[in-house]
C-alpha cells in the first residue's frame, strides 16, 4: 500500500500540487493513502483513503497554521500520529513517498516505529536558500541531508538535483532521476505517432530554466 505525503497550495478552490502522483494513481485505480498539508497555511491538513482510485474516506488533521515554523512542526507530528493510529500494525508493506524533506522526515520517523517498510524521498525542487532566515534555512537543509542519506530511495525531478544529492553523499543506487511528466489531460491530446514536433514544458516561464538555450538548440537543429 502506498502512502503519499505532500504540500500543496490552494488557488480559487483548487489544489496546486507539486507532482502528478495523485492524478496518475487515481487514473490507474490504485489503492493508496494521500496526506496533503498546506504550503502557506490557507487550509487544514487533510487525509484521503483511495480504493481503486476512488476517494473512500477523508479526515482533517490537526494543524497550527501560524506562524510558519510551528505549522511545519505540526505537519510532521500530525502525519506521524495519524498514521501510527491508522496504519495496520500487522502490515509491513507500506511504501511512504514524502514530497519534500518535512514529509520524508515523517516517513522516516514512522519507519523507525516499524510502521513503514520503505521510504522514498521525492525532491520536487531544490534551492540552496529556501528561507531568508539563516537558522530556519540551516535546519531545513540539515533535515534535507538527513532524509537524502536515510531514505531507501531518493527521487529527483532533474539531473541538477540528482548531482546535488550525489555531492551530499547519496549512493548512486538510491539516487534516481524521475523527471516530471505532463498531466494526463495534456498527454491525452497528443498522438505520439503523428505529432513528433510537439514539446510540453512543465516549468514556469522563468530565466533559470534556460528557454533561450532550448530555442537556440532547436534553431541549430533546424539548420
N, C-alpha and C. Protein backbone atom coordinates (compact mmCIF):
# COMPACT_ATOMS: atom_id res chain seq x y z
N UNK A 1 0.85 -1.19 0.00
CA UNK A 1 0.00 0.00 0.00
C UNK A 1 0.88 1.24 0.00
N UNK A 2 0.55 2.19 -0.85
CA UNK A 2 1.30 3.44 -0.93
C UNK A 2 0.74 4.48 0.03
N UNK A 3 1.63 5.29 0.57
CA UNK A 3 1.25 6.46 1.35
C UNK A 3 1.97 7.65 0.74
N UNK A 4 1.23 8.65 0.29
CA UNK A 4 1.81 9.86 -0.28
C UNK A 4 1.59 11.00 0.71
N UNK A 5 2.65 11.71 1.05
CA UNK A 5 2.53 12.89 1.91
C UNK A 5 3.17 14.07 1.21
N UNK A 6 2.43 15.15 1.07
CA UNK A 6 2.90 16.27 0.26
C UNK A 6 2.38 17.59 0.80
N UNK A 7 2.83 18.68 0.21
CA UNK A 7 2.30 20.01 0.48
C UNK A 7 1.66 20.53 -0.80
N UNK A 8 0.72 21.43 -0.65
CA UNK A 8 0.03 21.99 -1.80
C UNK A 8 -0.40 23.42 -1.49
N UNK A 9 -0.70 24.15 -2.53
CA UNK A 9 -1.25 25.50 -2.39
C UNK A 9 -2.71 25.47 -2.82
N UNK A 10 -3.49 26.39 -2.30
CA UNK A 10 -4.91 26.46 -2.65
C UNK A 10 -5.16 27.73 -3.44
N UNK A 11 -5.68 27.57 -4.67
CA UNK A 11 -5.96 28.71 -5.53
C UNK A 11 -7.36 28.58 -6.10
N UNK A 12 -8.22 29.53 -5.74
CA UNK A 12 -9.59 29.58 -6.26
C UNK A 12 -10.31 28.25 -6.06
N UNK A 13 -10.10 27.65 -4.91
CA UNK A 13 -10.79 26.41 -4.57
C UNK A 13 -10.15 25.14 -5.11
N UNK A 14 -9.01 25.27 -5.80
CA UNK A 14 -8.34 24.10 -6.37
C UNK A 14 -6.95 23.94 -5.75
N UNK A 15 -6.55 22.70 -5.54
CA UNK A 15 -5.22 22.42 -5.01
C UNK A 15 -4.18 22.47 -6.12
N UNK A 16 -3.10 23.19 -5.87
CA UNK A 16 -1.96 23.21 -6.77
C UNK A 16 -0.93 22.26 -6.19
N UNK A 17 -0.76 21.11 -6.83
CA UNK A 17 0.10 20.06 -6.31
C UNK A 17 1.53 20.21 -6.84
N UNK A 18 2.48 19.56 -6.14
CA UNK A 18 3.88 19.60 -6.55
C UNK A 18 4.26 18.40 -7.41
N UNK A 19 3.34 17.51 -7.63
CA UNK A 19 3.58 16.38 -8.52
C UNK A 19 2.22 15.90 -9.01
N UNK A 20 2.25 15.05 -10.03
CA UNK A 20 1.02 14.50 -10.57
C UNK A 20 0.79 13.07 -10.08
N UNK A 21 1.43 12.70 -8.98
CA UNK A 21 1.27 11.34 -8.45
C UNK A 21 -0.18 11.03 -8.13
N UNK A 22 -0.87 11.97 -7.52
CA UNK A 22 -2.27 11.74 -7.15
C UNK A 22 -3.11 11.47 -8.39
N UNK A 23 -2.92 12.28 -9.41
CA UNK A 23 -3.68 12.12 -10.65
C UNK A 23 -3.35 10.78 -11.33
N UNK A 24 -2.08 10.43 -11.36
CA UNK A 24 -1.66 9.19 -12.01
C UNK A 24 -2.19 7.97 -11.27
N UNK A 25 -2.09 7.98 -9.94
CA UNK A 25 -2.56 6.84 -9.15
C UNK A 25 -4.08 6.68 -9.25
N UNK A 26 -4.79 7.81 -9.26
CA UNK A 26 -6.25 7.76 -9.40
C UNK A 26 -6.64 7.20 -10.77
N UNK A 27 -5.95 7.69 -11.80
CA UNK A 27 -6.25 7.26 -13.16
C UNK A 27 -6.02 5.76 -13.33
N UNK A 28 -4.99 5.24 -12.66
CA UNK A 28 -4.66 3.81 -12.78
C UNK A 28 -5.31 2.95 -11.70
N UNK A 29 -6.22 3.55 -10.93
CA UNK A 29 -7.07 2.85 -9.96
C UNK A 29 -6.26 2.13 -8.88
N UNK A 30 -5.30 2.86 -8.31
CA UNK A 30 -4.51 2.31 -7.21
C UNK A 30 -5.23 2.48 -5.88
N UNK A 31 -4.85 1.66 -4.92
CA UNK A 31 -5.24 1.86 -3.52
C UNK A 31 -4.09 2.60 -2.83
N UNK A 32 -4.39 3.70 -2.17
CA UNK A 32 -3.32 4.46 -1.51
C UNK A 32 -3.89 5.48 -0.53
N UNK A 33 -3.02 5.92 0.37
CA UNK A 33 -3.35 7.00 1.29
C UNK A 33 -2.71 8.28 0.76
N UNK A 34 -3.42 9.39 0.92
CA UNK A 34 -2.91 10.67 0.43
C UNK A 34 -3.06 11.72 1.52
N UNK A 35 -1.93 12.25 1.99
CA UNK A 35 -1.92 13.29 3.01
C UNK A 35 -1.47 14.59 2.37
N UNK A 36 -2.26 15.63 2.58
CA UNK A 36 -1.98 16.93 1.95
C UNK A 36 -1.90 18.02 3.02
N UNK A 37 -0.74 18.67 3.09
CA UNK A 37 -0.54 19.80 4.00
C UNK A 37 -0.54 21.11 3.21
N UNK A 38 -0.86 22.19 3.89
CA UNK A 38 -0.89 23.49 3.23
C UNK A 38 0.50 24.12 3.20
N UNK A 39 0.90 24.59 2.04
CA UNK A 39 2.19 25.25 1.89
C UNK A 39 2.20 26.61 2.59
N UNK A 40 1.07 27.32 2.50
CA UNK A 40 1.00 28.69 3.03
C UNK A 40 0.09 28.81 4.25
N UNK A 41 -0.48 27.72 4.70
CA UNK A 41 -1.37 27.78 5.86
C UNK A 41 -2.76 28.26 5.54
N UNK A 42 -3.19 28.10 4.28
CA UNK A 42 -4.50 28.60 3.88
C UNK A 42 -5.59 27.51 3.91
N UNK A 43 -5.25 26.30 4.34
CA UNK A 43 -6.27 25.27 4.56
C UNK A 43 -5.75 24.27 5.58
N UNK A 44 -6.65 23.51 6.16
CA UNK A 44 -6.26 22.50 7.14
C UNK A 44 -5.68 21.26 6.44
N UNK A 45 -4.69 20.66 7.07
CA UNK A 45 -4.14 19.42 6.53
C UNK A 45 -5.24 18.37 6.45
N UNK A 46 -5.20 17.54 5.41
CA UNK A 46 -6.24 16.53 5.24
C UNK A 46 -5.68 15.21 4.76
N UNK A 47 -6.47 14.18 4.92
CA UNK A 47 -6.09 12.81 4.59
C UNK A 47 -7.20 12.17 3.77
N UNK A 48 -6.82 11.47 2.72
CA UNK A 48 -7.78 10.73 1.90
C UNK A 48 -7.32 9.29 1.73
N UNK A 49 -8.27 8.38 1.84
CA UNK A 49 -8.03 6.97 1.52
C UNK A 49 -8.67 6.70 0.17
N UNK A 50 -7.84 6.28 -0.79
CA UNK A 50 -8.33 5.93 -2.12
C UNK A 50 -8.32 4.42 -2.29
N UNK A 51 -9.44 3.89 -2.73
CA UNK A 51 -9.54 2.47 -3.06
C UNK A 51 -9.99 2.35 -4.50
N UNK A 52 -9.19 1.65 -5.28
CA UNK A 52 -9.47 1.51 -6.71
C UNK A 52 -9.57 2.88 -7.39
N UNK A 53 -8.75 3.82 -6.91
CA UNK A 53 -8.70 5.15 -7.50
C UNK A 53 -9.82 6.09 -7.08
N UNK A 54 -10.66 5.66 -6.15
CA UNK A 54 -11.81 6.48 -5.71
C UNK A 54 -11.65 6.83 -4.23
N UNK A 55 -11.84 8.10 -3.90
CA UNK A 55 -11.73 8.54 -2.51
C UNK A 55 -12.86 7.95 -1.69
N UNK A 56 -12.51 7.17 -0.67
CA UNK A 56 -13.50 6.49 0.16
C UNK A 56 -13.62 7.09 1.55
N UNK A 57 -12.58 7.76 2.00
CA UNK A 57 -12.60 8.31 3.35
C UNK A 57 -11.74 9.56 3.40
N UNK A 58 -12.23 10.59 4.07
CA UNK A 58 -11.48 11.84 4.20
C UNK A 58 -11.50 12.30 5.65
N UNK A 59 -10.37 12.75 6.13
CA UNK A 59 -10.25 13.24 7.50
C UNK A 59 -9.44 14.52 7.51
N UNK A 60 -9.68 15.35 8.51
CA UNK A 60 -8.89 16.56 8.72
C UNK A 60 -7.86 16.32 9.80
N UNK A 61 -6.64 16.74 9.56
CA UNK A 61 -5.57 16.55 10.52
C UNK A 61 -5.34 17.82 11.33
N UNK A 62 -4.82 17.65 12.53
CA UNK A 62 -4.53 18.79 13.40
C UNK A 62 -3.47 19.68 12.76
N UNK A 63 -3.74 20.99 12.74
CA UNK A 63 -2.82 21.94 12.12
C UNK A 63 -2.80 23.25 12.91
N UNK A 64 -1.62 23.76 13.16
CA UNK A 64 -1.44 25.13 13.65
C UNK A 64 -0.93 25.94 12.46
N UNK A 65 -1.74 26.83 11.94
CA UNK A 65 -1.43 27.49 10.68
C UNK A 65 -0.35 28.56 10.79
N UNK A 66 -0.34 29.29 11.88
CA UNK A 66 0.61 30.39 12.07
C UNK A 66 1.27 30.27 13.43
N UNK A 67 2.56 30.64 13.54
CA UNK A 67 3.49 31.03 12.48
C UNK A 67 3.96 29.83 11.66
N UNK A 68 4.62 30.12 10.55
CA UNK A 68 5.01 29.06 9.62
C UNK A 68 5.89 27.98 10.25
N UNK A 69 6.93 28.33 11.03
CA UNK A 69 7.75 27.25 11.62
C UNK A 69 6.95 26.28 12.48
N UNK A 70 5.97 26.82 13.21
CA UNK A 70 5.13 25.95 14.04
C UNK A 70 4.24 25.08 13.17
N UNK A 71 3.81 25.62 12.03
CA UNK A 71 3.00 24.83 11.10
C UNK A 71 3.80 23.66 10.55
N UNK A 72 5.06 23.89 10.21
CA UNK A 72 5.90 22.82 9.69
C UNK A 72 6.04 21.69 10.72
N UNK A 73 6.23 22.07 11.97
CA UNK A 73 6.38 21.07 13.03
C UNK A 73 5.10 20.25 13.20
N UNK A 74 3.96 20.96 13.21
CA UNK A 74 2.69 20.24 13.38
C UNK A 74 2.35 19.38 12.17
N UNK A 75 2.82 19.77 10.99
CA UNK A 75 2.63 18.92 9.81
C UNK A 75 3.29 17.57 10.01
N UNK A 76 4.52 17.59 10.49
CA UNK A 76 5.25 16.34 10.73
C UNK A 76 4.57 15.52 11.82
N UNK A 77 4.25 16.18 12.93
CA UNK A 77 3.65 15.48 14.07
C UNK A 77 2.29 14.89 13.71
N UNK A 78 1.46 15.67 13.01
CA UNK A 78 0.12 15.18 12.68
C UNK A 78 0.18 13.99 11.74
N UNK A 79 1.13 14.01 10.80
CA UNK A 79 1.30 12.87 9.89
C UNK A 79 1.69 11.61 10.66
N UNK A 80 2.66 11.75 11.54
CA UNK A 80 3.15 10.61 12.31
C UNK A 80 2.07 10.05 13.22
N UNK A 81 1.42 10.93 13.99
CA UNK A 81 0.40 10.48 14.94
C UNK A 81 -0.77 9.83 14.22
N UNK A 82 -1.21 10.43 13.12
CA UNK A 82 -2.36 9.90 12.40
C UNK A 82 -2.06 8.51 11.86
N UNK A 83 -0.89 8.33 11.26
CA UNK A 83 -0.57 7.03 10.66
C UNK A 83 -0.21 6.00 11.72
N UNK A 84 0.30 6.43 12.86
CA UNK A 84 0.52 5.48 13.95
C UNK A 84 -0.80 4.85 14.40
N UNK A 85 -1.85 5.65 14.35
CA UNK A 85 -3.17 5.16 14.76
C UNK A 85 -3.87 4.44 13.61
N UNK A 86 -3.67 4.94 12.39
CA UNK A 86 -4.48 4.47 11.27
C UNK A 86 -3.89 3.25 10.58
N UNK A 87 -2.58 3.24 10.37
CA UNK A 87 -1.96 2.13 9.64
C UNK A 87 -2.05 0.85 10.46
N UNK A 88 -2.35 -0.25 9.79
CA UNK A 88 -2.48 -1.54 10.47
C UNK A 88 -1.12 -2.00 10.97
N UNK A 89 -1.09 -2.44 12.20
CA UNK A 89 0.17 -2.85 12.81
C UNK A 89 0.79 -4.06 12.11
N UNK A 90 -0.07 -4.93 11.59
CA UNK A 90 0.47 -6.16 11.03
C UNK A 90 0.94 -5.98 9.59
N UNK A 91 0.69 -4.83 9.00
CA UNK A 91 1.05 -4.61 7.60
C UNK A 91 2.43 -3.96 7.53
N UNK A 92 3.42 -4.70 7.03
CA UNK A 92 4.78 -4.18 6.93
C UNK A 92 5.14 -3.78 5.50
N UNK A 93 4.14 -3.69 4.63
CA UNK A 93 4.41 -3.42 3.22
C UNK A 93 4.08 -2.00 2.79
N UNK A 94 3.93 -1.10 3.73
CA UNK A 94 3.66 0.29 3.37
C UNK A 94 4.90 0.93 2.73
N UNK A 95 4.69 1.60 1.62
CA UNK A 95 5.74 2.39 0.98
C UNK A 95 5.34 3.86 1.09
N UNK A 96 6.16 4.63 1.75
CA UNK A 96 5.87 6.03 2.05
C UNK A 96 6.65 6.92 1.08
N UNK A 97 5.93 7.75 0.31
CA UNK A 97 6.57 8.71 -0.59
C UNK A 97 6.38 10.10 0.01
N UNK A 98 7.46 10.68 0.49
CA UNK A 98 7.40 12.01 1.09
C UNK A 98 7.92 13.05 0.11
N UNK A 99 7.03 13.96 -0.29
CA UNK A 99 7.41 15.01 -1.24
C UNK A 99 7.87 16.23 -0.45
N UNK A 100 9.14 16.45 -0.41
CA UNK A 100 9.93 17.48 0.28
C UNK A 100 10.46 16.91 1.60
N UNK A 101 11.47 17.53 2.18
CA UNK A 101 12.13 16.96 3.36
C UNK A 101 11.22 16.77 4.57
N UNK A 102 10.29 17.69 4.82
CA UNK A 102 9.45 17.58 6.00
C UNK A 102 8.59 16.33 5.94
N UNK A 103 8.03 16.05 4.79
CA UNK A 103 7.20 14.86 4.64
C UNK A 103 8.04 13.59 4.67
N UNK A 104 9.22 13.64 4.06
CA UNK A 104 10.10 12.48 4.09
C UNK A 104 10.54 12.18 5.52
N UNK A 105 10.77 13.24 6.31
CA UNK A 105 11.17 13.04 7.71
C UNK A 105 10.08 12.31 8.48
N UNK A 106 8.82 12.67 8.23
CA UNK A 106 7.70 11.98 8.89
C UNK A 106 7.72 10.49 8.53
N UNK A 107 8.01 10.18 7.27
CA UNK A 107 8.08 8.79 6.85
C UNK A 107 9.21 8.03 7.53
N UNK A 108 10.35 8.70 7.70
CA UNK A 108 11.49 8.05 8.36
C UNK A 108 11.21 7.80 9.84
N UNK A 109 10.50 8.72 10.48
CA UNK A 109 10.11 8.52 11.88
C UNK A 109 9.19 7.30 11.98
N UNK A 110 8.24 7.20 11.06
CA UNK A 110 7.32 6.06 11.05
C UNK A 110 8.06 4.75 10.78
N UNK A 111 9.09 4.81 9.96
CA UNK A 111 9.89 3.60 9.70
C UNK A 111 10.62 3.17 10.96
N UNK A 112 11.12 4.15 11.72
CA UNK A 112 11.78 3.83 12.99
C UNK A 112 10.80 3.16 13.96
N UNK A 113 9.51 3.49 13.81
CA UNK A 113 8.47 2.90 14.66
C UNK A 113 7.93 1.59 14.08
N UNK A 114 8.59 1.10 13.01
CA UNK A 114 8.20 -0.16 12.35
C UNK A 114 6.80 -0.12 11.74
N UNK A 115 6.39 1.07 11.30
CA UNK A 115 5.08 1.20 10.64
C UNK A 115 5.21 1.28 9.12
N UNK A 116 6.42 1.56 8.64
CA UNK A 116 6.66 1.75 7.22
C UNK A 116 7.76 0.79 6.77
N UNK A 117 7.55 0.20 5.60
CA UNK A 117 8.55 -0.74 5.06
C UNK A 117 9.67 0.01 4.33
N UNK A 118 9.29 0.93 3.46
CA UNK A 118 10.28 1.70 2.71
C UNK A 118 9.85 3.16 2.61
N UNK A 119 10.85 4.05 2.56
CA UNK A 119 10.60 5.48 2.44
C UNK A 119 11.28 6.00 1.17
N UNK A 120 10.50 6.71 0.37
CA UNK A 120 11.02 7.37 -0.83
C UNK A 120 11.00 8.88 -0.58
N UNK A 121 12.14 9.51 -0.71
CA UNK A 121 12.24 10.96 -0.59
C UNK A 121 12.14 11.55 -1.99
N UNK A 122 11.01 12.18 -2.28
CA UNK A 122 10.74 12.75 -3.60
C UNK A 122 11.11 14.24 -3.56
N UNK A 123 12.12 14.62 -4.32
CA UNK A 123 12.57 16.02 -4.35
C UNK A 123 11.94 16.73 -5.53
N UNK A 124 10.91 17.50 -5.26
CA UNK A 124 10.20 18.21 -6.33
C UNK A 124 10.96 19.45 -6.79
N UNK A 125 11.76 20.02 -5.91
CA UNK A 125 12.62 21.15 -6.27
C UNK A 125 13.74 21.26 -5.24
N UNK A 126 14.72 22.11 -5.54
CA UNK A 126 15.84 22.27 -4.61
C UNK A 126 16.40 23.68 -4.73
N UNK A 127 16.62 24.32 -3.60
CA UNK A 127 17.21 25.65 -3.56
C UNK A 127 18.16 25.73 -2.37
N UNK A 128 19.35 26.27 -2.61
CA UNK A 128 20.30 26.41 -1.51
C UNK A 128 19.80 27.42 -0.47
N UNK A 129 18.99 28.37 -0.92
CA UNK A 129 18.43 29.36 0.00
C UNK A 129 16.91 29.22 0.01
N UNK A 130 16.43 28.27 0.79
CA UNK A 130 15.00 28.02 0.87
C UNK A 130 14.30 29.09 1.70
N UNK A 131 14.97 29.55 2.76
CA UNK A 131 14.41 30.58 3.64
C UNK A 131 15.42 31.71 3.80
N UNK A 132 14.92 32.92 3.95
CA UNK A 132 15.79 34.06 4.21
C UNK A 132 16.40 34.00 5.61
N UNK A 133 15.65 33.44 6.54
CA UNK A 133 16.13 33.28 7.91
C UNK A 133 17.25 32.23 7.93
N UNK A 134 18.43 32.63 8.40
CA UNK A 134 19.60 31.74 8.36
C UNK A 134 19.37 30.47 9.17
N UNK A 135 18.83 30.61 10.38
CA UNK A 135 18.62 29.45 11.25
C UNK A 135 17.62 28.49 10.63
N UNK A 136 16.51 29.03 10.13
CA UNK A 136 15.47 28.19 9.53
C UNK A 136 16.01 27.49 8.28
N UNK A 137 16.79 28.21 7.49
CA UNK A 137 17.37 27.63 6.28
C UNK A 137 18.36 26.51 6.62
N UNK A 138 19.14 26.72 7.68
CA UNK A 138 20.10 25.70 8.11
C UNK A 138 19.41 24.44 8.59
N UNK A 139 18.36 24.61 9.40
CA UNK A 139 17.60 23.45 9.90
C UNK A 139 16.97 22.68 8.75
N UNK A 140 16.39 23.43 7.80
CA UNK A 140 15.75 22.80 6.64
C UNK A 140 16.74 21.92 5.88
N UNK A 141 17.94 22.46 5.63
CA UNK A 141 18.91 21.70 4.84
C UNK A 141 19.54 20.55 5.64
N UNK A 142 19.58 20.67 6.95
CA UNK A 142 20.02 19.54 7.76
C UNK A 142 19.01 18.39 7.64
N UNK A 143 17.72 18.75 7.69
CA UNK A 143 16.67 17.74 7.51
C UNK A 143 16.75 17.13 6.11
N UNK A 144 16.95 18.00 5.11
CA UNK A 144 17.05 17.55 3.73
C UNK A 144 18.19 16.53 3.57
N UNK A 145 19.35 16.85 4.12
CA UNK A 145 20.50 15.96 4.00
C UNK A 145 20.26 14.64 4.74
N UNK A 146 19.64 14.73 5.91
CA UNK A 146 19.34 13.52 6.68
C UNK A 146 18.42 12.60 5.90
N UNK A 147 17.37 13.18 5.31
CA UNK A 147 16.42 12.38 4.53
C UNK A 147 17.09 11.76 3.32
N UNK A 148 17.96 12.52 2.66
CA UNK A 148 18.66 12.01 1.48
C UNK A 148 19.58 10.85 1.84
N UNK A 149 20.12 10.87 3.05
CA UNK A 149 21.04 9.81 3.49
C UNK A 149 20.30 8.58 4.00
N UNK A 150 19.12 8.78 4.60
CA UNK A 150 18.42 7.70 5.28
C UNK A 150 17.31 7.04 4.46
N UNK A 151 16.77 7.75 3.48
CA UNK A 151 15.66 7.19 2.70
C UNK A 151 16.13 6.00 1.87
N UNK A 152 15.22 5.08 1.60
CA UNK A 152 15.55 3.91 0.79
C UNK A 152 15.84 4.29 -0.65
N UNK A 153 15.10 5.29 -1.14
CA UNK A 153 15.35 5.83 -2.47
C UNK A 153 15.14 7.34 -2.43
N UNK A 154 15.90 8.04 -3.28
CA UNK A 154 15.73 9.49 -3.43
C UNK A 154 15.38 9.75 -4.88
N UNK A 155 14.19 10.28 -5.12
CA UNK A 155 13.73 10.61 -6.47
C UNK A 155 13.96 12.09 -6.73
N UNK A 156 14.58 12.40 -7.85
CA UNK A 156 14.89 13.79 -8.21
C UNK A 156 14.25 14.13 -9.54
N UNK A 157 13.60 15.28 -9.62
CA UNK A 157 12.89 15.64 -10.85
C UNK A 157 13.83 16.23 -11.90
N UNK A 158 15.09 16.44 -11.57
CA UNK A 158 16.05 16.97 -12.55
C UNK A 158 17.42 16.35 -12.29
N UNK A 159 18.24 16.34 -13.33
CA UNK A 159 19.60 15.83 -13.18
C UNK A 159 20.44 16.78 -12.32
N UNK A 160 20.07 18.06 -12.30
CA UNK A 160 20.78 19.02 -11.44
C UNK A 160 20.62 18.64 -9.98
N UNK A 161 19.39 18.33 -9.58
CA UNK A 161 19.15 17.92 -8.19
C UNK A 161 19.83 16.59 -7.91
N UNK A 162 19.82 15.72 -8.89
CA UNK A 162 20.49 14.42 -8.73
C UNK A 162 21.98 14.62 -8.46
N UNK A 163 22.60 15.59 -9.13
CA UNK A 163 24.01 15.89 -8.92
C UNK A 163 24.25 16.45 -7.52
N UNK A 164 23.32 17.29 -7.06
CA UNK A 164 23.43 17.83 -5.70
C UNK A 164 23.39 16.70 -4.68
N UNK A 165 22.48 15.76 -4.89
CA UNK A 165 22.36 14.61 -3.99
C UNK A 165 23.66 13.79 -3.97
N UNK A 166 24.24 13.62 -5.14
CA UNK A 166 25.49 12.86 -5.23
C UNK A 166 26.60 13.57 -4.45
N UNK A 167 26.64 14.90 -4.54
CA UNK A 167 27.64 15.68 -3.81
C UNK A 167 27.43 15.60 -2.30
N UNK A 168 26.18 15.40 -1.89
CA UNK A 168 25.87 15.28 -0.46
C UNK A 168 26.11 13.87 0.08
N UNK A 169 26.48 12.96 -0.81
CA UNK A 169 26.83 11.62 -0.36
C UNK A 169 25.80 10.54 -0.58
N UNK A 170 24.73 10.85 -1.32
CA UNK A 170 23.71 9.83 -1.61
C UNK A 170 24.26 8.81 -2.60
N UNK A 171 24.16 7.54 -2.27
CA UNK A 171 24.68 6.49 -3.15
C UNK A 171 23.94 6.48 -4.49
N UNK A 172 24.67 6.15 -5.55
CA UNK A 172 24.09 6.17 -6.89
C UNK A 172 22.91 5.21 -7.01
N UNK A 173 22.98 4.09 -6.31
CA UNK A 173 21.90 3.10 -6.41
C UNK A 173 20.58 3.62 -5.85
N UNK A 174 20.64 4.59 -4.95
CA UNK A 174 19.43 5.17 -4.35
C UNK A 174 19.07 6.51 -4.96
N UNK A 175 19.98 7.09 -5.72
CA UNK A 175 19.82 8.44 -6.25
C UNK A 175 19.26 8.37 -7.67
N UNK A 176 17.95 8.52 -7.80
CA UNK A 176 17.26 8.20 -9.05
C UNK A 176 16.65 9.45 -9.69
N UNK A 177 16.85 9.57 -10.98
CA UNK A 177 16.26 10.66 -11.77
C UNK A 177 14.87 10.25 -12.20
N UNK A 178 13.86 10.95 -11.70
CA UNK A 178 12.46 10.70 -12.05
C UNK A 178 11.88 12.00 -12.59
N UNK A 179 11.96 12.22 -13.90
CA UNK A 179 11.52 13.50 -14.47
C UNK A 179 10.03 13.72 -14.32
N UNK A 180 9.67 14.99 -14.25
CA UNK A 180 8.25 15.34 -14.23
C UNK A 180 7.58 14.86 -15.52
N UNK A 181 6.32 14.52 -15.41
CA UNK A 181 5.54 14.14 -16.59
C UNK A 181 4.38 15.10 -16.73
N UNK A 182 3.93 15.35 -17.95
CA UNK A 182 2.78 16.24 -18.13
C UNK A 182 1.53 15.65 -17.50
N UNK A 183 0.59 16.50 -17.09
CA UNK A 183 -0.67 15.98 -16.56
C UNK A 183 -1.42 15.20 -17.63
N UNK A 184 -2.24 14.28 -17.19
CA UNK A 184 -2.91 13.36 -18.11
C UNK A 184 -3.82 14.08 -19.09
N UNK A 185 -4.43 15.20 -18.66
CA UNK A 185 -5.36 15.89 -19.57
C UNK A 185 -4.61 16.54 -20.74
N UNK A 186 -3.27 16.70 -20.62
CA UNK A 186 -2.49 17.21 -21.74
C UNK A 186 -1.97 16.08 -22.62
N UNK A 187 -1.45 15.02 -22.00
CA UNK A 187 -0.90 13.92 -22.79
C UNK A 187 -1.96 13.20 -23.60
N UNK A 188 -3.19 13.21 -23.11
CA UNK A 188 -4.27 12.52 -23.83
C UNK A 188 -4.59 13.20 -25.15
N UNK A 189 -4.17 14.47 -25.31
CA UNK A 189 -4.47 15.21 -26.53
C UNK A 189 -3.40 15.05 -27.59
N UNK A 190 -2.33 14.36 -27.23
CA UNK A 190 -1.21 14.25 -28.15
C UNK A 190 -1.10 12.82 -28.67
N UNK A 191 -1.11 12.69 -29.97
CA UNK A 191 -0.89 11.39 -30.61
C UNK A 191 0.59 11.31 -30.98
N UNK A 192 1.35 10.53 -30.22
CA UNK A 192 2.80 10.50 -30.41
C UNK A 192 3.20 9.96 -31.78
N UNK A 193 2.30 9.25 -32.44
CA UNK A 193 2.63 8.69 -33.75
C UNK A 193 2.61 9.75 -34.84
N UNK A 194 1.89 10.84 -34.61
CA UNK A 194 1.72 11.83 -35.65
C UNK A 194 2.29 13.20 -35.29
N UNK A 195 2.41 13.51 -34.01
CA UNK A 195 2.88 14.83 -33.61
C UNK A 195 4.29 14.68 -33.03
N UNK A 196 5.28 14.67 -33.90
CA UNK A 196 6.65 14.45 -33.47
C UNK A 196 7.34 15.74 -33.05
N UNK A 197 6.76 16.87 -33.37
CA UNK A 197 7.42 18.15 -33.11
C UNK A 197 6.78 18.92 -31.96
N UNK A 198 5.95 18.25 -31.19
CA UNK A 198 5.28 18.91 -30.06
C UNK A 198 6.09 18.72 -28.78
N UNK A 199 6.30 19.82 -28.08
CA UNK A 199 7.05 19.80 -26.83
C UNK A 199 6.19 20.38 -25.72
N UNK A 200 6.09 19.68 -24.61
CA UNK A 200 5.36 20.17 -23.45
C UNK A 200 6.35 20.44 -22.33
N UNK A 201 6.33 21.66 -21.82
CA UNK A 201 7.19 22.02 -20.69
C UNK A 201 6.35 22.24 -19.45
N UNK A 202 6.80 21.68 -18.32
CA UNK A 202 6.08 21.83 -17.07
C UNK A 202 6.60 22.99 -16.24
N UNK A 203 7.68 23.60 -16.68
CA UNK A 203 8.30 24.66 -15.89
C UNK A 203 7.64 26.01 -16.10
N UNK A 204 7.86 26.88 -15.13
CA UNK A 204 7.39 28.26 -15.26
C UNK A 204 8.24 28.99 -16.29
N UNK A 205 7.69 30.06 -16.86
CA UNK A 205 8.42 30.84 -17.86
C UNK A 205 9.38 31.78 -17.15
N UNK A 206 10.46 31.22 -16.64
CA UNK A 206 11.47 31.99 -15.92
C UNK A 206 12.85 31.72 -16.51
N UNK A 207 13.76 32.66 -16.30
CA UNK A 207 15.06 32.59 -16.96
C UNK A 207 15.90 31.41 -16.49
N UNK A 208 15.71 30.95 -15.24
CA UNK A 208 16.58 29.89 -14.73
C UNK A 208 16.35 28.55 -15.44
N UNK A 209 15.26 28.43 -16.20
CA UNK A 209 15.02 27.19 -16.96
C UNK A 209 15.66 27.23 -18.34
N UNK A 210 16.28 28.36 -18.69
CA UNK A 210 17.06 28.48 -19.92
C UNK A 210 16.26 28.13 -21.17
N UNK A 211 15.11 28.77 -21.33
CA UNK A 211 14.33 28.56 -22.55
C UNK A 211 15.06 29.10 -23.77
N UNK A 212 15.86 30.15 -23.58
CA UNK A 212 16.63 30.68 -24.71
C UNK A 212 17.59 29.62 -25.25
N UNK A 213 18.20 28.87 -24.34
CA UNK A 213 19.08 27.79 -24.77
C UNK A 213 18.33 26.73 -25.55
N UNK A 214 17.10 26.45 -25.14
CA UNK A 214 16.27 25.48 -25.85
C UNK A 214 15.94 25.98 -27.26
N UNK A 215 15.55 27.25 -27.37
CA UNK A 215 15.22 27.82 -28.68
C UNK A 215 16.45 27.84 -29.59
N UNK A 216 17.61 28.16 -29.02
CA UNK A 216 18.84 28.16 -29.81
C UNK A 216 19.15 26.76 -30.32
N UNK A 217 18.94 25.75 -29.47
CA UNK A 217 19.20 24.36 -29.87
C UNK A 217 18.28 23.94 -31.01
N UNK A 218 17.01 24.32 -30.92
CA UNK A 218 16.06 23.99 -31.99
C UNK A 218 16.46 24.67 -33.29
N UNK A 219 16.92 25.92 -33.18
CA UNK A 219 17.34 26.65 -34.37
C UNK A 219 18.54 25.99 -35.03
N UNK A 220 19.50 25.54 -34.21
CA UNK A 220 20.69 24.86 -34.74
C UNK A 220 20.31 23.55 -35.42
N UNK A 221 19.43 22.79 -34.78
CA UNK A 221 18.99 21.52 -35.36
C UNK A 221 18.23 21.74 -36.67
N UNK A 222 17.47 22.81 -36.72
CA UNK A 222 16.68 23.12 -37.91
C UNK A 222 17.58 23.46 -39.09
N UNK A 223 18.72 24.08 -38.78
CA UNK A 223 19.65 24.47 -39.85
C UNK A 223 20.59 23.33 -40.24
